[in-house]
Amino acid sequence: MSNPVRPDIAAFEELQYLIYQVGEELSGFRKRAQQAEQRLKTIASGKPGASPLAAEERVAQLEAENARLRQRLATAEAQSAKMLDQVRFLRQQHVLEGES
């Protein structure tokens, strides 16, 4: 005859297993959090002796540069469109002169 497992013992073993799994998961989260904190410290420092605001200042500089580049791109697009219109006009003139 098989030995029946008491329900309370089975529930306790399941609870033990779940607690172990939660502990392992918590350990993984803690490791990831520590790695993220270390990366943040590295990024924030930037250079030896730099203030933690160095990264924020660099982001602000990059955003300003990005805005300037976007403006230059918009200007170049407008100039390109104007030149394309001139080429179309000249082509039309050439075609019309050929028909005369």
PDB file of N, CA and C in Angstrom:
ATOM      1  N   MET A   1       0.816  -1.178   0.000  1.00  0.00           N
ATOM      2  CA  MET A   1       0.000   0.000   0.000  1.00  0.00           C
ATOM      3  C   MET A   1       0.864   1.248   0.000  1.00  0.00           C
ATOM      4  N   SER A   2       0.417   2.262  -0.750  1.00  0.00           N
ATOM      5  CA  SER A   2       1.195   3.488  -0.802  1.00  0.00           C
ATOM      6  C   SER A   2       0.899   4.350   0.422  1.00  0.00           C
ATOM      7  N   ASN A   3       1.880   5.135   0.758  1.00  0.00           N
ATOM      8  CA  ASN A   3       1.761   6.012   1.913  1.00  0.00           C
ATOM      9  C   ASN A   3       1.114   7.317   1.471  1.00  0.00           C
ATOM     10  N   PRO A   4      -0.116   7.605   1.853  1.00  0.00           N
ATOM     11  CA  PRO A   4      -0.771   8.845   1.417  1.00  0.00           C
ATOM     12  C   PRO A   4      -0.088  10.057   2.056  1.00  0.00           C
ATOM     13  N   VAL A   5       0.066  11.124   1.267  1.00  0.00           N
ATOM     14  CA  VAL A   5       0.683  12.360   1.749  1.00  0.00           C
ATOM     15  C   VAL A   5      -0.403  13.215   2.377  1.00  0.00           C
ATOM     16  N   ARG A   6      -0.095  13.674   3.572  1.00  0.00           N
ATOM     17  CA  ARG A   6      -1.078  14.510   4.264  1.00  0.00           C
ATOM     18  C   ARG A   6      -1.183  15.853   3.530  1.00  0.00           C
ATOM     19  N   PRO A   7      -2.394  16.392   3.412  1.00  0.00           N
ATOM     20  CA  PRO A   7      -2.585  17.650   2.680  1.00  0.00           C
ATOM     21  C   PRO A   7      -1.791  18.811   3.287  1.00  0.00           C
ATOM     22  N   ASP A   8      -1.684  18.842   4.612  1.00  0.00           N
ATOM     23  CA  ASP A   8      -0.968  19.950   5.222  1.00  0.00           C
ATOM     24  C   ASP A   8       0.530  19.878   4.926  1.00  0.00           C
ATOM     25  N   ILE A   9       1.072  18.675   4.829  1.00  0.00           N
ATOM     26  CA  ILE A   9       2.485  18.517   4.515  1.00  0.00           C
ATOM     27  C   ILE A   9       2.732  18.888   3.044  1.00  0.00           C
ATOM     28  N   ALA A  10       1.833  18.484   2.163  1.00  0.00           N
ATOM     29  CA  ALA A  10       1.964  18.831   0.742  1.00  0.00           C
ATOM     30  C   ALA A  10       1.889  20.346   0.561  1.00  0.00           C
ATOM     31  N   ALA A  11       0.972  20.996   1.276  1.00  0.00           N
ATOM     32  CA  ALA A  11       0.839  22.451   1.177  1.00  0.00           C
ATOM     33  C   ALA A  11       2.093  23.135   1.722  1.00  0.00           C
ATOM     34  N   PHE A  12       2.641  22.593   2.826  1.00  0.00           N
ATOM     35  CA  PHE A  12       3.851  23.161   3.402  1.00  0.00           C
ATOM     36  C   PHE A  12       5.029  23.032   2.434  1.00  0.00           C
ATOM     37  N   GLU A  13       5.163  21.890   1.795  1.00  0.00           N
ATOM     38  CA  GLU A  13       6.244  21.693   0.830  1.00  0.00           C
ATOM     39  C   GLU A  13       6.094  22.631  -0.364  1.00  0.00           C
ATOM     40  N   GLU A  14       4.868  22.828  -0.816  1.00  0.00           N
ATOM     41  CA  GLU A  14       4.624  23.752  -1.925  1.00  0.00           C
ATOM     42  C   GLU A  14       4.975  25.177  -1.510  1.00  0.00           C
ATOM     43  N   LEU A  15       4.601  25.542  -0.282  1.00  0.00           N
ATOM     44  CA  LEU A  15       4.916  26.863   0.233  1.00  0.00           C
ATOM     45  C   LEU A  15       6.430  27.062   0.330  1.00  0.00           C
ATOM     46  N   GLN A  16       7.133  26.041   0.780  1.00  0.00           N
ATOM     47  CA  GLN A  16       8.592  26.100   0.857  1.00  0.00           C
ATOM     48  C   GLN A  16       9.194  26.343  -0.524  1.00  0.00           C
ATOM     49  N   TYR A  17       8.690  25.614  -1.510  1.00  0.00           N
ATOM     50  CA  TYR A  17       9.191  25.749  -2.869  1.00  0.00           C
ATOM     51  C   TYR A  17       8.928  27.163  -3.399  1.00  0.00           C
ATOM     52  N   LEU A  18       7.725  27.678  -3.171  1.00  0.00           N
ATOM     53  CA  LEU A  18       7.379  29.020  -3.642  1.00  0.00           C
ATOM     54  C   LEU A  18       8.250  30.082  -2.974  1.00  0.00           C
ATOM     55  N   ILE A  19       8.493  29.930  -1.680  1.00  0.00           N
ATOM     56  CA  ILE A  19       9.349  30.887  -0.970  1.00  0.00           C
ATOM     57  C   ILE A  19      10.761  30.837  -1.535  1.00  0.00           C
ATOM     58  N   TYR A  20      11.259  29.651  -1.833  1.00  0.00           N
ATOM     59  CA  TYR A  20      12.586  29.513  -2.430  1.00  0.00           C
ATOM     60  C   TYR A  20      12.624  30.235  -3.780  1.00  0.00           C
ATOM     61  N   GLN A  21      11.601  30.029  -4.601  1.00  0.00           N
ATOM     62  CA  GLN A  21      11.547  30.669  -5.918  1.00  0.00           C
ATOM     63  C   GLN A  21      11.506  32.192  -5.794  1.00  0.00           C
ATOM     64  N   VAL A  22      10.710  32.688  -4.859  1.00  0.00           N
ATOM     65  CA  VAL A  22      10.618  34.136  -4.644  1.00  0.00           C
ATOM     66  C   VAL A  22      11.974  34.678  -4.186  1.00  0.00           C
ATOM     67  N   GLY A  23      12.642  33.952  -3.324  1.00  0.00           N
ATOM     68  CA  GLY A  23      13.971  34.360  -2.870  1.00  0.00           C
ATOM     69  C   GLY A  23      14.964  34.435  -4.019  1.00  0.00           C
ATOM     70  N   GLU A  24      14.939  33.455  -4.909  1.00  0.00           N
ATOM     71  CA  GLU A  24      15.823  33.451  -6.065  1.00  0.00           C
ATOM     72  C   GLU A  24      15.517  34.636  -6.985  1.00  0.00           C
ATOM     73  N   GLU A  25      14.240  34.890  -7.187  1.00  0.00           N
ATOM     74  CA  GLU A  25      13.841  36.002  -8.041  1.00  0.00           C
ATOM     75  C   GLU A  25      14.254  37.335  -7.418  1.00  0.00           C
ATOM     76  N   LEU A  26      14.063  37.457  -6.116  1.00  0.00           N
ATOM     77  CA  LEU A  26      14.464  38.671  -5.404  1.00  0.00           C
ATOM     78  C   LEU A  26      15.977  38.871  -5.509  1.00  0.00           C
ATOM     79  N   SER A  27      16.722  37.804  -5.432  1.00  0.00           N
ATOM     80  CA  SER A  27      18.177  37.878  -5.565  1.00  0.00           C
ATOM     81  C   SER A  27      18.559  38.402  -6.949  1.00  0.00           C
ATOM     82  N   GLY A  28      17.874  37.924  -7.954  1.00  0.00           N
ATOM     83  CA  GLY A  28      18.126  38.401  -9.321  1.00  0.00           C
ATOM     84  C   GLY A  28      17.799  39.873  -9.474  1.00  0.00           C
ATOM     85  N   PHE A  29      16.668  40.302  -8.898  1.00  0.00           N
ATOM     86  CA  PHE A  29      16.294  41.715  -8.960  1.00  0.00           C
ATOM     87  C   PHE A  29      17.326  42.587  -8.243  1.00  0.00           C
ATOM     88  N   ARG A  30      17.800  42.108  -7.100  1.00  0.00           N
ATOM     89  CA  ARG A  30      18.785  42.870  -6.337  1.00  0.00           C
ATOM     90  C   ARG A  30      20.080  43.016  -7.125  1.00  0.00           C
ATOM     91  N   LYS A  31      20.495  41.936  -7.773  1.00  0.00           N
ATOM     92  CA  LYS A  31      21.711  41.972  -8.578  1.00  0.00           C
ATOM     93  C   LYS A  31      21.565  42.979  -9.723  1.00  0.00           C
ATOM     94  N   ARG A  32      20.412  42.949 -10.389  1.00  0.00           N
ATOM     95  CA  ARG A  32      20.169  43.876 -11.495  1.00  0.00           C
ATOM     96  C   ARG A  32      20.132  45.312 -11.008  1.00  0.00           C
ATOM     97  N   ALA A  33      19.523  45.545  -9.837  1.00  0.00           N
ATOM     98  CA  ALA A  33      19.459  46.893  -9.277  1.00  0.00           C
ATOM     99  C   ALA A  33      20.856  47.405  -8.943  1.00  0.00           C
ATOM    100  N   GLN A  34      21.696  46.550  -8.387  1.00  0.00           N
ATOM    101  CA  GLN A  34      23.059  46.956  -8.059  1.00  0.00           C
ATOM    102  C   GLN A  34      23.853  47.272  -9.319  1.00  0.00           C
ATOM    103  N   GLN A  35      23.664  46.471 -10.362  1.00  0.00           N
ATOM    104  CA  GLN A  35      24.350  46.741 -11.626  1.00  0.00           C
ATOM    105  C   GLN A  35      23.885  48.068 -12.216  1.00  0.00           C
ATOM    106  N   ALA A  36      22.582  48.325 -12.147  1.00  0.00           N
ATOM    107  CA  ALA A  36      22.042  49.581 -12.674  1.00  0.00           C
ATOM    108  C   ALA A  36      22.579  50.767 -11.880  1.00  0.00           C
ATOM    109  N   GLU A  37      22.655  50.639 -10.571  1.00  0.00           N
ATOM    110  CA  GLU A  37      23.201  51.714  -9.748  1.00  0.00           C
ATOM    111  C   GLU A  37      24.660  51.971 -10.103  1.00  0.00           C
ATOM    112  N   GLN A  38      25.409  50.918 -10.330  1.00  0.00           N
ATOM    113  CA  GLN A  38      26.818  51.073 -10.695  1.00  0.00           C
ATOM    114  C   GLN A  38      26.949  51.768 -12.044  1.00  0.00           C
ATOM    115  N   ARG A  39      26.121  51.372 -13.017  1.00  0.00           N
ATOM    116  CA  ARG A  39      26.159  52.031 -14.327  1.00  0.00           C
ATOM    117  C   ARG A  39      25.793  53.501 -14.198  1.00  0.00           C
ATOM    118  N   LEU A  40      24.794  53.798 -13.380  1.00  0.00           N
ATOM    119  CA  LEU A  40      24.376  55.187 -13.179  1.00  0.00           C
ATOM    120  C   LEU A  40      25.499  56.003 -12.570  1.00  0.00           C
ATOM    121  N   LYS A  41      26.189  55.435 -11.603  1.00  0.00           N
ATOM    122  CA  LYS A  41      27.320  56.136 -11.000  1.00  0.00           C
ATOM    123  C   LYS A  41      28.409  56.396 -12.038  1.00  0.00           C
ATOM    124  N   THR A  42      28.663  55.403 -12.871  1.00  0.00           N
ATOM    125  CA  THR A  42      29.683  55.548 -13.908  1.00  0.00           C
ATOM    126  C   THR A  42      29.290  56.634 -14.899  1.00  0.00           C
ATOM    127  N   ILE A  43      28.039  56.616 -15.318  1.00  0.00           N
ATOM    128  CA  ILE A  43      27.552  57.618 -16.270  1.00  0.00           C
ATOM    129  C   ILE A  43      27.568  59.002 -15.636  1.00  0.00           C
ATOM    130  N   ALA A  44      27.094  59.089 -14.405  1.00  0.00           N
ATOM    131  CA  ALA A  44      27.004  60.379 -13.732  1.00  0.00           C
ATOM    132  C   ALA A  44      28.379  60.985 -13.507  1.00  0.00           C
ATOM    133  N   SER A  45      29.360  60.150 -13.231  1.00  0.00           N
ATOM    134  CA  SER A  45      30.686  60.692 -12.958  1.00  0.00           C
ATOM    135  C   SER A  45      31.342  61.194 -14.232  1.00  0.00           C
ATOM    136  N   GLY A  46      31.118  60.501 -15.335  1.00  0.00           N
ATOM    137  CA  GLY A  46      31.700  60.931 -16.605  1.00  0.00           C
ATOM    138  C   GLY A  46      33.207  60.861 -16.602  1.00  0.00           C
ATOM    139  N   LYS A  47      33.823  61.712 -15.851  1.00  0.00           N
ATOM    140  CA  LYS A  47      35.273  61.758 -15.732  1.00  0.00           C
ATOM    141  C   LYS A  47      35.624  61.701 -14.259  1.00  0.00           C
ATOM    142  N   PRO A  48      36.837  61.309 -13.950  1.00  0.00           N
ATOM    143  CA  PRO A  48      37.245  61.327 -12.534  1.00  0.00           C
ATOM    144  C   PRO A  48      37.139  62.743 -11.974  1.00  0.00           C
ATOM    145  N   GLY A  49      36.457  62.879 -10.876  1.00  0.00           N
ATOM    146  CA  GLY A  49      36.302  64.179 -10.232  1.00  0.00           C
ATOM    147  C   GLY A  49      35.160  65.016 -10.774  1.00  0.00           C
ATOM    148  N   ALA A  50      34.445  64.534 -11.760  1.00  0.00           N
ATOM    149  CA  ALA A  50      33.344  65.306 -12.337  1.00  0.00           C
ATOM    150  C   ALA A  50      32.135  65.257 -11.421  1.00  0.00           C
ATOM    151  N   SER A  51      31.324  66.294 -11.506  1.00  0.00           N
ATOM    152  CA  SER A  51      30.123  66.334 -10.670  1.00  0.00           C
ATOM    153  C   SER A  51      29.051  65.422 -11.243  1.00  0.00           C
ATOM    154  N   PRO A  52      28.109  64.988 -10.415  1.00  0.00           N
ATOM    155  CA  PRO A  52      27.019  64.136 -10.919  1.00  0.00           C
ATOM    156  C   PRO A  52      26.156  64.839 -11.971  1.00  0.00           C
ATOM    157  N   LEU A  53      26.241  66.161 -12.045  1.00  0.00           N
ATOM    158  CA  LEU A  53      25.440  66.890 -13.031  1.00  0.00           C
ATOM    159  C   LEU A  53      26.065  66.865 -14.421  1.00  0.00           C
ATOM    160  N   ALA A  54      27.264  66.321 -14.533  1.00  0.00           N
ATOM    161  CA  ALA A  54      27.953  66.299 -15.822  1.00  0.00           C
ATOM    162  C   ALA A  54      27.122  65.582 -16.882  1.00  0.00           C
ATOM    163  N   ALA A  55      26.507  64.478 -16.523  1.00  0.00           N
ATOM    164  CA  ALA A  55      25.692  63.727 -17.495  1.00  0.00           C
ATOM    165  C   ALA A  55      24.491  64.550 -17.933  1.00  0.00           C
ATOM    166  N   GLU A  56      23.855  65.242 -17.001  1.00  0.00           N
ATOM    167  CA  GLU A  56      22.698  66.069 -17.357  1.00  0.00           C
ATOM    168  C   GLU A  56      23.119  67.232 -18.245  1.00  0.00           C
ATOM    169  N   GLU A  57      24.275  67.815 -17.943  1.00  0.00           N
ATOM    170  CA  GLU A  57      24.774  68.909 -18.776  1.00  0.00           C
ATOM    171  C   GLU A  57      25.086  68.404 -20.181  1.00  0.00           C
ATOM    172  N   ARG A  58      25.658  67.220 -20.270  1.00  0.00           N
ATOM    173  CA  ARG A  58      25.980  66.643 -21.577  1.00  0.00           C
ATOM    174  C   ARG A  58      24.719  66.373 -22.376  1.00  0.00           C
ATOM    175  N   VAL A  59      23.692  65.891 -21.707  1.00  0.00           N
ATOM    176  CA  VAL A  59      22.407  65.653 -22.389  1.00  0.00           C
ATOM    177  C   VAL A  59      21.848  66.974 -22.903  1.00  0.00           C
ATOM    178  N   ALA A  60      21.935  68.031 -22.090  1.00  0.00           N
ATOM    179  CA  ALA A  60      21.446  69.344 -22.520  1.00  0.00           C
ATOM    180  C   ALA A  60      22.232  69.836 -23.734  1.00  0.00           C
ATOM    181  N   GLN A  61      23.553  69.644 -23.718  1.00  0.00           N
ATOM    182  CA  GLN A  61      24.374  70.049 -24.866  1.00  0.00           C
ATOM    183  C   GLN A  61      23.978  69.273 -26.111  1.00  0.00           C
ATOM    184  N   LEU A  62      23.779  67.983 -25.964  1.00  0.00           N
ATOM    185  CA  LEU A  62      23.406  67.158 -27.115  1.00  0.00           C
ATOM    186  C   LEU A  62      22.030  67.531 -27.650  1.00  0.00           C
ATOM    187  N   GLU A  63      21.107  67.872 -26.763  1.00  0.00           N
ATOM    188  CA  GLU A  63      19.775  68.283 -27.212  1.00  0.00           C
ATOM    189  C   GLU A  63      19.852  69.602 -27.964  1.00  0.00           C
ATOM    190  N   ALA A  64      20.692  70.538 -27.477  1.00  0.00           N
ATOM    191  CA  ALA A  64      20.858  71.813 -28.172  1.00  0.00           C
ATOM    192  C   ALA A  64      21.492  71.603 -29.545  1.00  0.00           C
ATOM    193  N   GLU A  65      22.500  70.743 -29.599  1.00  0.00           N
ATOM    194  CA  GLU A  65      23.136  70.438 -30.879  1.00  0.00           C
ATOM    195  C   GLU A  65      22.142  69.782 -31.830  1.00  0.00           C
ATOM    196  N   ASN A  66      21.310  68.899 -31.303  1.00  0.00           N
ATOM    197  CA  ASN A  66      20.290  68.241 -32.108  1.00  0.00           C
ATOM    198  C   ASN A  66      19.323  69.269 -32.690  1.00  0.00           C
ATOM    199  N   ALA A  67      18.937  70.248 -31.884  1.00  0.00           N
ATOM    200  CA  ALA A  67      18.027  71.298 -32.362  1.00  0.00           C
ATOM    201  C   ALA A  67      18.688  72.105 -33.480  1.00  0.00           C
ATOM    202  N   ARG A  68      19.977  72.443 -33.301  1.00  0.00           N
ATOM    203  CA  ARG A  68      20.693  73.182 -34.350  1.00  0.00           C
ATOM    204  C   ARG A  68      20.770  72.365 -35.639  1.00  0.00           C
ATOM    205  N   LEU A  69      21.055  71.082 -35.508  1.00  0.00           N
ATOM    206  CA  LEU A  69      21.143  70.229 -36.689  1.00  0.00           C
ATOM    207  C   LEU A  69      19.790  70.093 -37.390  1.00  0.00           C
ATOM    208  N   ARG A  70      18.736  70.016 -36.603  1.00  0.00           N
ATOM    209  CA  ARG A  70      17.392  69.958 -37.208  1.00  0.00           C
ATOM    210  C   ARG A  70      17.100  71.239 -37.993  1.00  0.00           C
ATOM    211  N   GLN A  71      17.513  72.379 -37.436  1.00  0.00           N
ATOM    212  CA  GLN A  71      17.302  73.655 -38.120  1.00  0.00           C
ATOM    213  C   GLN A  71      18.097  73.697 -39.423  1.00  0.00           C
ATOM    214  N   ARG A  72      19.339  73.244 -39.376  1.00  0.00           N
ATOM    215  CA  ARG A  72      20.160  73.214 -40.586  1.00  0.00           C
ATOM    216  C   ARG A  72      19.546  72.291 -41.632  1.00  0.00           C
ATOM    217  N   LEU A  73      19.013  71.160 -41.178  1.00  0.00           N
ATOM    218  CA  LEU A  73      18.377  70.220 -42.095  1.00  0.00           C
ATOM    219  C   LEU A  73      17.146  70.840 -42.744  1.00  0.00           C
ATOM    220  N   ALA A  74      16.357  71.543 -41.960  1.00  0.00           N
ATOM    221  CA  ALA A  74      15.166  72.199 -42.505  1.00  0.00           C
ATOM    222  C   ALA A  74      15.564  73.256 -43.537  1.00  0.00           C
ATOM    223  N   THR A  75      16.620  74.012 -43.247  1.00  0.00           N
ATOM    224  CA  THR A  75      17.100  75.021 -44.190  1.00  0.00           C
ATOM    225  C   THR A  75      17.583  74.361 -45.481  1.00  0.00           C
ATOM    226  N   ALA A  76      18.335  73.287 -45.346  1.00  0.00           N
ATOM    227  CA  ALA A  76      18.838  72.568 -46.522  1.00  0.00           C
ATOM    228  C   ALA A  76      17.685  72.000 -47.345  1.00  0.00           C
ATOM    229  N   GLU A  77      16.657  71.485 -46.668  1.00  0.00           N
ATOM    230  CA  GLU A  77      15.500  70.956 -47.401  1.00  0.00           C
ATOM    231  C   GLU A  77      14.807  72.071 -48.181  1.00  0.00           C
ATOM    232  N   ALA A  78      14.671  73.252 -47.566  1.00  0.00           N
ATOM    233  CA  ALA A  78      14.027  74.379 -48.247  1.00  0.00           C
ATOM    234  C   ALA A  78      14.854  74.822 -49.450  1.00  0.00           C
ATOM    235  N   GLN A  79      16.169  74.871 -49.293  1.00  0.00           N
ATOM    236  CA  GLN A  79      17.040  75.266 -50.401  1.00  0.00           C
ATOM    237  C   GLN A  79      16.978  74.226 -51.526  1.00  0.00           C
ATOM    238  N   SER A  80      16.940  72.963 -51.151  1.00  0.00           N
ATOM    239  CA  SER A  80      16.856  71.900 -52.158  1.00  0.00           C
ATOM    240  C   SER A  80      15.555  72.003 -52.937  1.00  0.00           C
ATOM    241  N   ALA A  81      14.464  72.260 -52.246  1.00  0.00           N
ATOM    242  CA  ALA A  81      13.167  72.393 -52.915  1.00  0.00           C
ATOM    243  C   ALA A  81      13.182  73.587 -53.865  1.00  0.00           C
ATOM    244  N   LYS A  82      13.805  74.689 -53.435  1.00  0.00           N
ATOM    245  CA  LYS A  82      13.889  75.880 -54.288  1.00  0.00           C
ATOM    246  C   LYS A  82      14.714  75.585 -55.544  1.00  0.00           C
ATOM    247  N   MET A  83      15.842  74.888 -55.362  1.00  0.00           N
ATOM    248  CA  MET A  83      16.680  74.544 -56.511  1.00  0.00           C
ATOM    249  C   MET A  83      15.947  73.601 -57.454  1.00  0.00           C
ATOM    250  N   LEU A  84      15.202  72.660 -56.905  1.00  0.00           N
ATOM    251  CA  LEU A  84      14.444  71.732 -57.737  1.00  0.00           C
ATOM    252  C   LEU A  84      13.390  72.479 -58.547  1.00  0.00           C
ATOM    253  N   ASP A  85      12.745  73.458 -57.924  1.00  0.00           N
ATOM    254  CA  ASP A  85      11.767  74.274 -58.653  1.00  0.00           C
ATOM    255  C   ASP A  85      12.442  75.031 -59.804  1.00  0.00           C
ATOM    256  N   GLN A  86      13.648  75.553 -59.557  1.00  0.00           N
ATOM    257  CA  GLN A  86      14.367  76.269 -60.603  1.00  0.00           C
ATOM    258  C   GLN A  86      14.738  75.338 -61.752  1.00  0.00           C
ATOM    259  N   VAL A  87      15.171  74.121 -61.430  1.00  0.00           N
ATOM    260  CA  VAL A  87      15.515  73.148 -62.465  1.00  0.00           C
ATOM    261  C   VAL A  87      14.275  72.794 -63.281  1.00  0.00           C
ATOM    262  N   ARG A  88      13.158  72.624 -62.633  1.00  0.00           N
ATOM    263  CA  ARG A  88      11.911  72.324 -63.360  1.00  0.00           C
ATOM    264  C   ARG A  88      11.538  73.471 -64.296  1.00  0.00           C
ATOM    265  N   PHE A  89      11.693  74.705 -63.777  1.00  0.00           N
ATOM    266  CA  PHE A  89      11.371  75.866 -64.596  1.00  0.00           C
ATOM    267  C   PHE A  89      12.277  75.919 -65.814  1.00  0.00           C
ATOM    268  N   LEU A  90      13.581  75.721 -65.593  1.00  0.00           N
ATOM    269  CA  LEU A  90      14.523  75.758 -66.713  1.00  0.00           C
ATOM    270  C   LEU A  90      14.236  74.645 -67.712  1.00  0.00           C
ATOM    271  N   ARG A  91      13.850  73.485 -67.239  1.00  0.00           N
ATOM    272  CA  ARG A  91      13.517  72.384 -68.138  1.00  0.00           C
ATOM    273  C   ARG A  91      12.286  72.734 -68.961  1.00  0.00           C
ATOM    274  N   GLN A  92      11.296  73.342 -68.326  1.00  0.00           N
ATOM    275  CA  GLN A  92      10.096  73.754 -69.067  1.00  0.00           C
ATOM    276  C   GLN A  92      10.449  74.789 -70.133  1.00  0.00           C
ATOM    277  N   GLN A  93      11.324  75.725 -69.771  1.00  0.00           N
ATOM    278  CA  GLN A  93      11.735  76.748 -70.735  1.00  0.00           C
ATOM    279  C   GLN A  93      12.461  76.115 -71.914  1.00  0.00           C
ATOM    280  N   HIS A  94      13.313  75.141 -71.610  1.00  0.00           N
ATOM    281  CA  HIS A  94      14.058  74.467 -72.660  1.00  0.00           C
ATOM    282  C   HIS A  94      13.120  73.699 -73.603  1.00  0.00           C
ATOM    283  N   VAL A  95      12.145  73.031 -73.015  1.00  0.00           N
ATOM    284  CA  VAL A  95      11.178  72.280 -73.827  1.00  0.00           C
ATOM    285  C   VAL A  95      10.361  73.238 -74.675  1.00  0.00           C
ATOM    286  N   LEU A  96       9.925  74.371 -74.108  1.00  0.00           N
ATOM    287  CA  LEU A  96       9.130  75.348 -74.848  1.00  0.00           C
ATOM    288  C   LEU A  96       9.950  75.979 -75.972  1.00  0.00           C
ATOM    289  N   GLU A  97      11.234  76.247 -75.722  1.00  0.00           N
ATOM    290  CA  GLU A  97      12.079  76.822 -76.748  1.00  0.00           C
ATOM    291  C   GLU A  97      12.290  75.840 -77.892  1.00  0.00           C
ATOM    292  N   GLY A  98      12.343  74.572 -77.568  1.00  0.00           N
ATOM    293  CA  GLY A  98      12.515  73.539 -78.590  1.00  0.00           C
ATOM    294  C   GLY A  98      11.309  73.416 -79.481  1.00  0.00           C
ATOM    295  N   GLU A  99      10.120  73.745 -78.965  1.00  0.00           N
ATOM    296  CA  GLU A  99       8.893  73.635 -79.749  1.00  0.00           C
ATOM    297  C   GLU A  99       8.713  74.830 -80.666  1.00  0.00           C
ATOM    298  N   SER A 100       9.320  75.955 -80.347  1.00  0.00           N
ATOM    299  CA  SER A 100       9.133  77.174 -81.142  1.00  0.00           C
ATOM    300  C   SER A 100       9.775  77.117 -82.492  1.00  0.00           C
TER     301      SER A 100
END
